[in-house]
All heavy atoms as atom14 arrays in JSON, in Angstrom:
{
  "sequence": "ELIADASWVFKAHMFLGMSIFVIFPFTRLVHVWSGFGTLAYVT",
  "atom14_mask": [
    [1, 1, 1, 1, 1, 1, 1, 1, 1, 0, 0, 0, 0, 0],
    [1, 1, 1, 1, 1, 1, 1, 1, 0, 0, 0, 0, 0, 0],
    [1, 1, 1, 1, 1, 1, 1, 1, 0, 0, 0, 0, 0, 0],
    [1, 1, 1, 1, 1, 0, 0, 0, 0, 0, 0, 0, 0, 0],
    [1, 1, 1, 1, 1, 1, 1, 1, 0, 0, 0, 0, 0, 0],
    [1, 1, 1, 1, 1, 0, 0, 0, 0, 0, 0, 0, 0, 0],
    [1, 1, 1, 1, 1, 1, 0, 0, 0, 0, 0, 0, 0, 0],
    [1, 1, 1, 1, 1, 1, 1, 1, 1, 1, 1, 1, 1, 1],
    [1, 1, 1, 1, 1, 1, 1, 0, 0, 0, 0, 0, 0, 0],
    [1, 1, 1, 1, 1, 1, 1, 1, 1, 1, 1, 0, 0, 0],
    [1, 1, 1, 1, 1, 1, 1, 1, 1, 0, 0, 0, 0, 0],
    [1, 1, 1, 1, 1, 0, 0, 0, 0, 0, 0, 0, 0, 0],
    [1, 1, 1, 1, 1, 1, 1, 1, 1, 1, 0, 0, 0, 0],
    [1, 1, 1, 1, 1, 1, 1, 1, 0, 0, 0, 0, 0, 0],
    [1, 1, 1, 1, 1, 1, 1, 1, 1, 1, 1, 0, 0, 0],
    [1, 1, 1, 1, 1, 1, 1, 1, 0, 0, 0, 0, 0, 0],
    [1, 1, 1, 1, 0, 0, 0, 0, 0, 0, 0, 0, 0, 0],
    [1, 1, 1, 1, 1, 1, 1, 1, 0, 0, 0, 0, 0, 0],
    [1, 1, 1, 1, 1, 1, 0, 0, 0, 0, 0, 0, 0, 0],
    [1, 1, 1, 1, 1, 1, 1, 1, 0, 0, 0, 0, 0, 0],
    [1, 1, 1, 1, 1, 1, 1, 1, 1, 1, 1, 0, 0, 0],
    [1, 1, 1, 1, 1, 1, 1, 0, 0, 0, 0, 0, 0, 0],
    [1, 1, 1, 1, 1, 1, 1, 1, 0, 0, 0, 0, 0, 0],
    [1, 1, 1, 1, 1, 1, 1, 1, 1, 1, 1, 0, 0, 0],
    [1, 1, 1, 1, 1, 1, 1, 0, 0, 0, 0, 0, 0, 0],
    [1, 1, 1, 1, 1, 1, 1, 1, 1, 1, 1, 0, 0, 0],
    [1, 1, 1, 1, 1, 1, 1, 0, 0, 0, 0, 0, 0, 0],
    [1, 1, 1, 1, 1, 1, 1, 1, 1, 1, 1, 0, 0, 0],
    [1, 1, 1, 1, 1, 1, 1, 1, 0, 0, 0, 0, 0, 0],
    [1, 1, 1, 1, 1, 1, 1, 0, 0, 0, 0, 0, 0, 0],
    [1, 1, 1, 1, 1, 1, 1, 1, 1, 1, 0, 0, 0, 0],
    [1, 1, 1, 1, 1, 1, 1, 0, 0, 0, 0, 0, 0, 0],
    [1, 1, 1, 1, 1, 1, 1, 1, 1, 1, 1, 1, 1, 1],
    [1, 1, 1, 1, 1, 1, 0, 0, 0, 0, 0, 0, 0, 0],
    [1, 1, 1, 1, 0, 0, 0, 0, 0, 0, 0, 0, 0, 0],
    [1, 1, 1, 1, 1, 1, 1, 1, 1, 1, 1, 0, 0, 0],
    [1, 1, 1, 1, 0, 0, 0, 0, 0, 0, 0, 0, 0, 0],
    [1, 1, 1, 1, 1, 1, 1, 0, 0, 0, 0, 0, 0, 0],
    [1, 1, 1, 1, 1, 1, 1, 1, 0, 0, 0, 0, 0, 0],
    [1, 1, 1, 1, 1, 0, 0, 0, 0, 0, 0, 0, 0, 0],
    [1, 1, 1, 1, 1, 1, 1, 1, 1, 1, 1, 1, 0, 0],
    [1, 1, 1, 1, 1, 1, 1, 0, 0, 0, 0, 0, 0, 0],
    [1, 1, 1, 1, 1, 1, 1, 0, 0, 0, 0, 0, 0, 0]
  ],
  "atom14_positions": [
    [[78.68, 12.02, 28.26], [79.49, 10.81, 28.1], [80.95, 11.05, 28.45], [81.65, 10.14, 28.9], [79.39, 10.29, 26.67], [78.03, 9.7, 26.29], [77.01, 10.76, 25.91], [77.34, 11.96, 26.05], [75.91, 10.39, 25.5], [0.0, 0.0, 0.0], [0.0, 0.0, 0.0], [0.0, 0.0, 0.0], [0.0, 0.0, 0.0], [0.0, 0.0, 0.0]],
    [[81.43, 12.26, 28.27], [82.84, 12.56, 28.51], [83.25, 12.35, 29.96], [84.39, 11.98, 30.24], [83.14, 14.0, 28.1], [83.25, 14.29, 26.6], [83.34, 15.79, 26.37], [84.47, 13.59, 26.02], [0.0, 0.0, 0.0], [0.0, 0.0, 0.0], [0.0, 0.0, 0.0], [0.0, 0.0, 0.0], [0.0, 0.0, 0.0], [0.0, 0.0, 0.0]],
    [[82.34, 12.63, 30.89], [82.7, 12.58, 32.31], [82.02, 11.42, 33.03], [81.86, 11.44, 34.24], [82.33, 13.91, 33.0], [80.84, 14.21, 32.84], [83.16, 15.05, 32.45], [80.38, 15.41, 33.66], [0.0, 0.0, 0.0], [0.0, 0.0, 0.0], [0.0, 0.0, 0.0], [0.0, 0.0, 0.0], [0.0, 0.0, 0.0], [0.0, 0.0, 0.0]],
    [[81.64, 10.4, 32.29], [80.96, 9.25, 32.9], [81.85, 8.56, 33.93], [81.37, 8.0, 34.92], [80.52, 8.27, 31.82], [0.0, 0.0, 0.0], [0.0, 0.0, 0.0], [0.0, 0.0, 0.0], [0.0, 0.0, 0.0], [0.0, 0.0, 0.0], [0.0, 0.0, 0.0], [0.0, 0.0, 0.0], [0.0, 0.0, 0.0], [0.0, 0.0, 0.0]],
    [[83.18, 8.57, 33.71], [84.09, 7.87, 34.62], [84.73, 8.8, 35.64], [85.65, 8.4, 36.35], [85.19, 7.18, 33.81], [86.0, 8.16, 32.97], [85.51, 9.28, 32.73], [87.13, 7.79, 32.54], [0.0, 0.0, 0.0], [0.0, 0.0, 0.0], [0.0, 0.0, 0.0], [0.0, 0.0, 0.0], [0.0, 0.0, 0.0], [0.0, 0.0, 0.0]],
    [[84.25, 10.03, 35.75], [84.81, 10.98, 36.73], [84.41, 10.58, 38.14], [83.38, 9.93, 38.37], [84.33, 12.39, 36.42], [0.0, 0.0, 0.0], [0.0, 0.0, 0.0], [0.0, 0.0, 0.0], [0.0, 0.0, 0.0], [0.0, 0.0, 0.0], [0.0, 0.0, 0.0], [0.0, 0.0, 0.0], [0.0, 0.0, 0.0], [0.0, 0.0, 0.0]],
    [[85.22, 10.97, 39.11], [84.94, 10.67, 40.51], [83.65, 11.37, 40.96], [83.28, 12.43, 40.45], [86.11, 11.14, 41.39], [85.77, 11.11, 42.76], [0.0, 0.0, 0.0], [0.0, 0.0, 0.0], [0.0, 0.0, 0.0], [0.0, 0.0, 0.0], [0.0, 0.0, 0.0], [0.0, 0.0, 0.0], [0.0, 0.0, 0.0], [0.0, 0.0, 0.0]],
    [[82.99, 10.78, 41.95], [81.75, 11.36, 42.45], [81.99, 12.74, 43.07], [81.07, 13.57, 43.1], [81.11, 10.44, 43.49], [81.87, 10.36, 44.8], [82.83, 9.46, 45.15], [81.71, 11.24, 45.93], [83.3, 9.72, 46.41], [82.62, 10.8, 46.92], [80.9, 12.33, 46.2], [82.73, 11.44, 48.16], [81.01, 12.98, 47.42], [81.91, 12.53, 48.4]],
    [[83.22, 12.99, 43.52], [83.53, 14.3, 44.1], [83.45, 15.38, 43.03], [82.87, 16.46, 43.24], [84.92, 14.3, 44.76], [85.24, 15.69, 45.34], [84.99, 13.24, 45.85], [0.0, 0.0, 0.0], [0.0, 0.0, 0.0], [0.0, 0.0, 0.0], [0.0, 0.0, 0.0], [0.0, 0.0, 0.0], [0.0, 0.0, 0.0], [0.0, 0.0, 0.0]],
    [[84.03, 15.12, 41.87], [83.92, 16.06, 40.76], [82.46, 16.26, 40.36], [82.02, 17.39, 40.12], [84.73, 15.55, 39.55], [86.21, 15.66, 39.7], [86.98, 14.54, 39.93], [86.84, 16.9, 39.6], [88.36, 14.64, 40.06], [88.22, 17.01, 39.72], [88.98, 15.88, 39.96], [0.0, 0.0, 0.0], [0.0, 0.0, 0.0], [0.0, 0.0, 0.0]],
    [[81.74, 15.16, 40.27], [80.34, 15.26, 39.84], [79.49, 16.02, 40.85], [78.63, 16.82, 40.48], [79.78, 13.85, 39.62], [80.41, 13.11, 38.45], [79.79, 11.72, 38.28], [80.42, 10.99, 37.11], [79.85, 9.62, 36.92], [0.0, 0.0, 0.0], [0.0, 0.0, 0.0], [0.0, 0.0, 0.0], [0.0, 0.0, 0.0], [0.0, 0.0, 0.0]],
    [[79.73, 15.77, 42.14], [78.97, 16.5, 43.17], [79.3, 17.99, 43.12], [78.41, 18.84, 43.29], [79.3, 15.92, 44.55], [0.0, 0.0, 0.0], [0.0, 0.0, 0.0], [0.0, 0.0, 0.0], [0.0, 0.0, 0.0], [0.0, 0.0, 0.0], [0.0, 0.0, 0.0], [0.0, 0.0, 0.0], [0.0, 0.0, 0.0], [0.0, 0.0, 0.0]],
    [[80.58, 18.31, 42.91], [81.0, 19.71, 42.81], [80.33, 20.39, 41.63], [79.86, 21.54, 41.73], [82.52, 19.76, 42.67], [83.1, 21.13, 42.66], [82.91, 22.04, 43.67], [83.89, 21.76, 41.74], [83.54, 23.18, 43.39], [84.15, 23.03, 42.22], [0.0, 0.0, 0.0], [0.0, 0.0, 0.0], [0.0, 0.0, 0.0], [0.0, 0.0, 0.0]],
    [[80.25, 19.7, 40.51], [79.62, 20.26, 39.32], [78.11, 20.4, 39.5], [77.52, 21.43, 39.14], [79.94, 19.37, 38.11], [81.42, 19.34, 37.76], [81.85, 17.96, 36.68], [80.97, 18.41, 35.19], [0.0, 0.0, 0.0], [0.0, 0.0, 0.0], [0.0, 0.0, 0.0], [0.0, 0.0, 0.0], [0.0, 0.0, 0.0], [0.0, 0.0, 0.0]],
    [[77.48, 19.39, 40.07], [76.03, 19.44, 40.28], [75.65, 20.57, 41.23], [74.7, 21.31, 40.98], [75.53, 18.11, 40.82], [74.09, 18.13, 41.21], [73.09, 18.1, 40.25], [73.72, 18.17, 42.54], [71.75, 18.13, 40.61], [72.38, 18.21, 42.91], [71.39, 18.18, 41.94], [0.0, 0.0, 0.0], [0.0, 0.0, 0.0], [0.0, 0.0, 0.0]],
    [[76.39, 20.7, 42.31], [76.08, 21.75, 43.28], [76.34, 23.13, 42.66], [75.58, 24.08, 42.93], [76.93, 21.57, 44.54], [76.59, 22.49, 45.72], [75.11, 22.39, 46.07], [77.45, 22.13, 46.93], [0.0, 0.0, 0.0], [0.0, 0.0, 0.0], [0.0, 0.0, 0.0], [0.0, 0.0, 0.0], [0.0, 0.0, 0.0], [0.0, 0.0, 0.0]],
    [[77.37, 23.25, 41.84], [77.62, 24.52, 41.17], [76.46, 24.9, 40.27], [76.03, 26.07, 40.24], [0.0, 0.0, 0.0], [0.0, 0.0, 0.0], [0.0, 0.0, 0.0], [0.0, 0.0, 0.0], [0.0, 0.0, 0.0], [0.0, 0.0, 0.0], [0.0, 0.0, 0.0], [0.0, 0.0, 0.0], [0.0, 0.0, 0.0], [0.0, 0.0, 0.0]],
    [[75.93, 23.94, 39.51], [74.77, 24.22, 38.65], [73.54, 24.55, 39.48], [72.74, 25.43, 39.1], [74.51, 23.02, 37.73], [75.58, 22.79, 36.69], [75.19, 21.45, 35.54], [75.46, 20.0, 36.6], [0.0, 0.0, 0.0], [0.0, 0.0, 0.0], [0.0, 0.0, 0.0], [0.0, 0.0, 0.0], [0.0, 0.0, 0.0], [0.0, 0.0, 0.0]],
    [[73.39, 23.91, 40.61], [72.24, 24.17, 41.48], [72.29, 25.57, 42.08], [71.25, 26.19, 42.31], [72.18, 23.12, 42.6], [72.02, 21.82, 42.07], [0.0, 0.0, 0.0], [0.0, 0.0, 0.0], [0.0, 0.0, 0.0], [0.0, 0.0, 0.0], [0.0, 0.0, 0.0], [0.0, 0.0, 0.0], [0.0, 0.0, 0.0], [0.0, 0.0, 0.0]],
    [[73.49, 26.08, 42.34], [73.62, 27.45, 42.83], [73.16, 28.43, 41.76], [72.56, 29.47, 42.06], [75.07, 27.72, 43.26], [75.39, 26.91, 44.53], [75.31, 29.21, 43.52], [76.83, 27.01, 44.99], [0.0, 0.0, 0.0], [0.0, 0.0, 0.0], [0.0, 0.0, 0.0], [0.0, 0.0, 0.0], [0.0, 0.0, 0.0], [0.0, 0.0, 0.0]],
    [[73.4, 28.11, 40.49], [72.87, 28.94, 39.41], [71.34, 28.91, 39.4], [70.7, 29.91, 39.07], [73.4, 28.45, 38.06], [74.75, 28.99, 37.7], [75.91, 28.3, 38.03], [74.87, 30.21, 37.04], [77.16, 28.81, 37.71], [76.12, 30.73, 36.71], [77.26, 30.02, 37.05], [0.0, 0.0, 0.0], [0.0, 0.0, 0.0], [0.0, 0.0, 0.0]],
    [[70.75, 27.78, 39.78], [69.29, 27.66, 39.81], [68.69, 28.58, 40.87], [67.69, 29.27, 40.62], [68.87, 26.2, 40.06], [67.37, 26.1, 40.33], [69.25, 25.32, 38.87], [0.0, 0.0, 0.0], [0.0, 0.0, 0.0], [0.0, 0.0, 0.0], [0.0, 0.0, 0.0], [0.0, 0.0, 0.0], [0.0, 0.0, 0.0], [0.0, 0.0, 0.0]],
    [[69.28, 28.62, 42.06], [68.71, 29.43, 43.14], [69.17, 30.88, 43.08], [68.66, 31.72, 43.83], [69.07, 28.83, 44.52], [70.57, 28.96, 44.79], [68.62, 27.38, 44.62], [70.96, 28.63, 46.2], [0.0, 0.0, 0.0], [0.0, 0.0, 0.0], [0.0, 0.0, 0.0], [0.0, 0.0, 0.0], [0.0, 0.0, 0.0], [0.0, 0.0, 0.0]],
    [[70.12, 31.18, 42.2], [70.69, 32.52, 42.09], [69.62, 33.63, 42.03], [69.68, 34.6, 42.79], [71.6, 32.58, 40.87], [72.32, 33.88, 40.67], [73.63, 34.04, 41.07], [71.68, 34.95, 40.05], [74.3, 35.24, 40.88], [72.34, 36.16, 39.86], [73.65, 36.3, 40.26], [0.0, 0.0, 0.0], [0.0, 0.0, 0.0], [0.0, 0.0, 0.0]],
    [[68.63, 33.54, 41.14], [67.67, 34.65, 41.02], [66.78, 34.84, 42.23], [66.13, 35.89, 42.35], [66.83, 34.26, 39.78], [67.61, 33.2, 39.08], [68.35, 32.48, 40.16], [0.0, 0.0, 0.0], [0.0, 0.0, 0.0], [0.0, 0.0, 0.0], [0.0, 0.0, 0.0], [0.0, 0.0, 0.0], [0.0, 0.0, 0.0], [0.0, 0.0, 0.0]],
    [[66.72, 33.87, 43.13], [65.81, 33.92, 44.27], [66.51, 34.28, 45.58], [65.9, 34.2, 46.64], [65.1, 32.57, 44.41], [64.56, 32.05, 43.11], [65.21, 31.03, 42.43], [63.41, 32.6, 42.55], [64.72, 30.55, 41.22], [62.92, 32.14, 41.34], [63.57, 31.11, 40.67], [0.0, 0.0, 0.0], [0.0, 0.0, 0.0], [0.0, 0.0, 0.0]],
    [[67.78, 34.65, 45.5], [68.56, 34.94, 46.69], [69.24, 36.3, 46.54], [69.09, 36.99, 45.53], [69.63, 33.87, 46.93], [70.6, 33.92, 45.87], [69.01, 32.48, 46.98], [0.0, 0.0, 0.0], [0.0, 0.0, 0.0], [0.0, 0.0, 0.0], [0.0, 0.0, 0.0], [0.0, 0.0, 0.0], [0.0, 0.0, 0.0], [0.0, 0.0, 0.0]],
    [[70.03, 36.65, 47.55], [70.77, 37.9, 47.53], [71.9, 37.88, 46.5], [72.53, 38.92, 46.26], [71.36, 38.19, 48.91], [72.36, 37.14, 49.37], [73.08, 37.54, 50.63], [72.18, 37.78, 51.74], [72.47, 38.54, 52.78], [73.63, 39.15, 52.83], [71.62, 38.69, 53.77], [0.0, 0.0, 0.0], [0.0, 0.0, 0.0], [0.0, 0.0, 0.0]],
    [[72.17, 36.74, 45.89], [73.24, 36.65, 44.91], [73.0, 37.54, 43.69], [73.95, 37.83, 42.95], [73.42, 35.2, 44.45], [74.15, 34.25, 45.4], [74.16, 32.84, 44.84], [75.56, 34.72, 45.68], [0.0, 0.0, 0.0], [0.0, 0.0, 0.0], [0.0, 0.0, 0.0], [0.0, 0.0, 0.0], [0.0, 0.0, 0.0], [0.0, 0.0, 0.0]],
    [[71.76, 37.97, 43.49], [71.48, 38.79, 42.3], [72.28, 40.09, 42.3], [72.47, 40.7, 41.24], [69.97, 39.11, 42.19], [69.17, 37.88, 41.86], [69.47, 39.77, 43.46], [0.0, 0.0, 0.0], [0.0, 0.0, 0.0], [0.0, 0.0, 0.0], [0.0, 0.0, 0.0], [0.0, 0.0, 0.0], [0.0, 0.0, 0.0], [0.0, 0.0, 0.0]],
    [[72.76, 40.52, 43.48], [73.52, 41.78, 43.51], [74.85, 41.64, 42.77], [75.5, 42.65, 42.49], [73.76, 42.23, 44.95], [74.86, 41.49, 45.65], [74.69, 40.24, 46.2], [76.16, 41.84, 45.89], [75.81, 39.85, 46.76], [76.72, 40.8, 46.59], [0.0, 0.0, 0.0], [0.0, 0.0, 0.0], [0.0, 0.0, 0.0], [0.0, 0.0, 0.0]],
    [[75.23, 40.4, 42.42], [76.44, 40.21, 41.63], [76.31, 40.9, 40.28], [77.27, 41.48, 39.76], [76.73, 38.7, 41.44], [77.92, 38.49, 40.52], [76.98, 38.05, 42.79], [0.0, 0.0, 0.0], [0.0, 0.0, 0.0], [0.0, 0.0, 0.0], [0.0, 0.0, 0.0], [0.0, 0.0, 0.0], [0.0, 0.0, 0.0], [0.0, 0.0, 0.0]],
    [[75.1, 40.85, 39.7], [74.88, 41.52, 38.42], [75.18, 43.01, 38.52], [75.74, 43.61, 37.6], [73.43, 41.33, 37.97], [73.09, 39.99, 37.42], [72.21, 39.09, 37.94], [73.59, 39.38, 36.22], [72.14, 37.95, 37.16], [72.97, 38.11, 36.1], [74.5, 39.78, 35.25], [73.24, 37.25, 35.04], [74.77, 38.92, 34.18], [74.14, 37.68, 34.09]],
    [[74.78, 43.63, 39.63], [75.04, 45.05, 39.82], [76.53, 45.33, 39.9], [77.02, 46.37, 39.44], [74.35, 45.55, 41.1], [72.95, 45.39, 41.01], [0.0, 0.0, 0.0], [0.0, 0.0, 0.0], [0.0, 0.0, 0.0], [0.0, 0.0, 0.0], [0.0, 0.0, 0.0], [0.0, 0.0, 0.0], [0.0, 0.0, 0.0], [0.0, 0.0, 0.0]],
    [[77.28, 44.39, 40.51], [78.73, 44.56, 40.56], [79.35, 44.59, 39.18], [80.22, 45.42, 38.87], [0.0, 0.0, 0.0], [0.0, 0.0, 0.0], [0.0, 0.0, 0.0], [0.0, 0.0, 0.0], [0.0, 0.0, 0.0], [0.0, 0.0, 0.0], [0.0, 0.0, 0.0], [0.0, 0.0, 0.0], [0.0, 0.0, 0.0], [0.0, 0.0, 0.0]],
    [[78.9, 43.68, 38.3], [79.39, 43.7, 36.93], [78.91, 44.95, 36.19], [79.6, 45.47, 35.32], [78.93, 42.45, 36.17], [79.59, 41.19, 36.64], [78.84, 40.07, 36.96], [80.97, 41.11, 36.74], [79.45, 38.9, 37.39], [81.59, 39.94, 37.16], [80.83, 38.83, 37.49], [0.0, 0.0, 0.0], [0.0, 0.0, 0.0], [0.0, 0.0, 0.0]],
    [[77.71, 45.42, 36.55], [77.17, 46.6, 35.89], [77.97, 47.85, 36.16], [77.97, 48.79, 35.35], [0.0, 0.0, 0.0], [0.0, 0.0, 0.0], [0.0, 0.0, 0.0], [0.0, 0.0, 0.0], [0.0, 0.0, 0.0], [0.0, 0.0, 0.0], [0.0, 0.0, 0.0], [0.0, 0.0, 0.0], [0.0, 0.0, 0.0], [0.0, 0.0, 0.0]],
    [[78.66, 47.91, 37.29], [79.45, 49.1, 37.61], [80.63, 49.29, 36.67], [81.2, 50.38, 36.61], [79.98, 49.03, 39.05], [80.77, 47.83, 39.21], [78.84, 49.01, 40.06], [0.0, 0.0, 0.0], [0.0, 0.0, 0.0], [0.0, 0.0, 0.0], [0.0, 0.0, 0.0], [0.0, 0.0, 0.0], [0.0, 0.0, 0.0], [0.0, 0.0, 0.0]],
    [[81.0, 48.24, 35.92], [82.08, 48.39, 34.95], [81.73, 49.4, 33.87], [82.61, 49.96, 33.22], [82.4, 47.03, 34.32], [82.91, 45.93, 35.26], [83.08, 44.62, 34.51], [84.22, 46.35, 35.91], [0.0, 0.0, 0.0], [0.0, 0.0, 0.0], [0.0, 0.0, 0.0], [0.0, 0.0, 0.0], [0.0, 0.0, 0.0], [0.0, 0.0, 0.0]],
    [[80.42, 49.66, 33.68], [80.0, 50.63, 32.68], [80.45, 52.05, 33.03], [80.57, 52.91, 32.15], [78.48, 50.59, 32.52], [0.0, 0.0, 0.0], [0.0, 0.0, 0.0], [0.0, 0.0, 0.0], [0.0, 0.0, 0.0], [0.0, 0.0, 0.0], [0.0, 0.0, 0.0], [0.0, 0.0, 0.0], [0.0, 0.0, 0.0], [0.0, 0.0, 0.0]],
    [[80.7, 52.29, 34.32], [81.13, 53.62, 34.73], [82.52, 53.96, 34.21], [82.9, 55.13, 34.16], [81.1, 53.74, 36.26], [79.73, 53.93, 36.81], [78.94, 52.84, 37.17], [79.19, 55.2, 36.97], [77.66, 53.01, 37.68], [77.92, 55.39, 37.48], [77.15, 54.28, 37.84], [75.89, 54.46, 38.33], [0.0, 0.0, 0.0], [0.0, 0.0, 0.0]],
    [[83.29, 52.94, 33.82], [84.64, 53.2, 33.31], [84.57, 53.98, 32.01], [85.4, 54.87, 31.73], [85.4, 51.87, 33.11], [86.76, 52.12, 32.48], [85.54, 51.14, 34.43], [0.0, 0.0, 0.0], [0.0, 0.0, 0.0], [0.0, 0.0, 0.0], [0.0, 0.0, 0.0], [0.0, 0.0, 0.0], [0.0, 0.0, 0.0], [0.0, 0.0, 0.0]],
    [[83.58, 53.67, 31.18], [83.45, 54.33, 29.87], [82.35, 55.39, 29.87], [82.09, 55.99, 28.84], [83.13, 53.28, 28.79], [81.91, 52.58, 29.14], [84.26, 52.27, 28.67], [0.0, 0.0, 0.0], [0.0, 0.0, 0.0], [0.0, 0.0, 0.0], [0.0, 0.0, 0.0], [0.0, 0.0, 0.0], [0.0, 0.0, 0.0], [0.0, 0.0, 0.0]]
  ]
}
């Protein structure tokens, strides 16, 4: 309800962002997790 009056550009940007999270596990984007995992080498 908070964003019911937002412009369609904002809504499309938000929807597409959520959709990228949906396809994330099925694409090469999963290597992002490994990038965050390398932070463990600091400690």
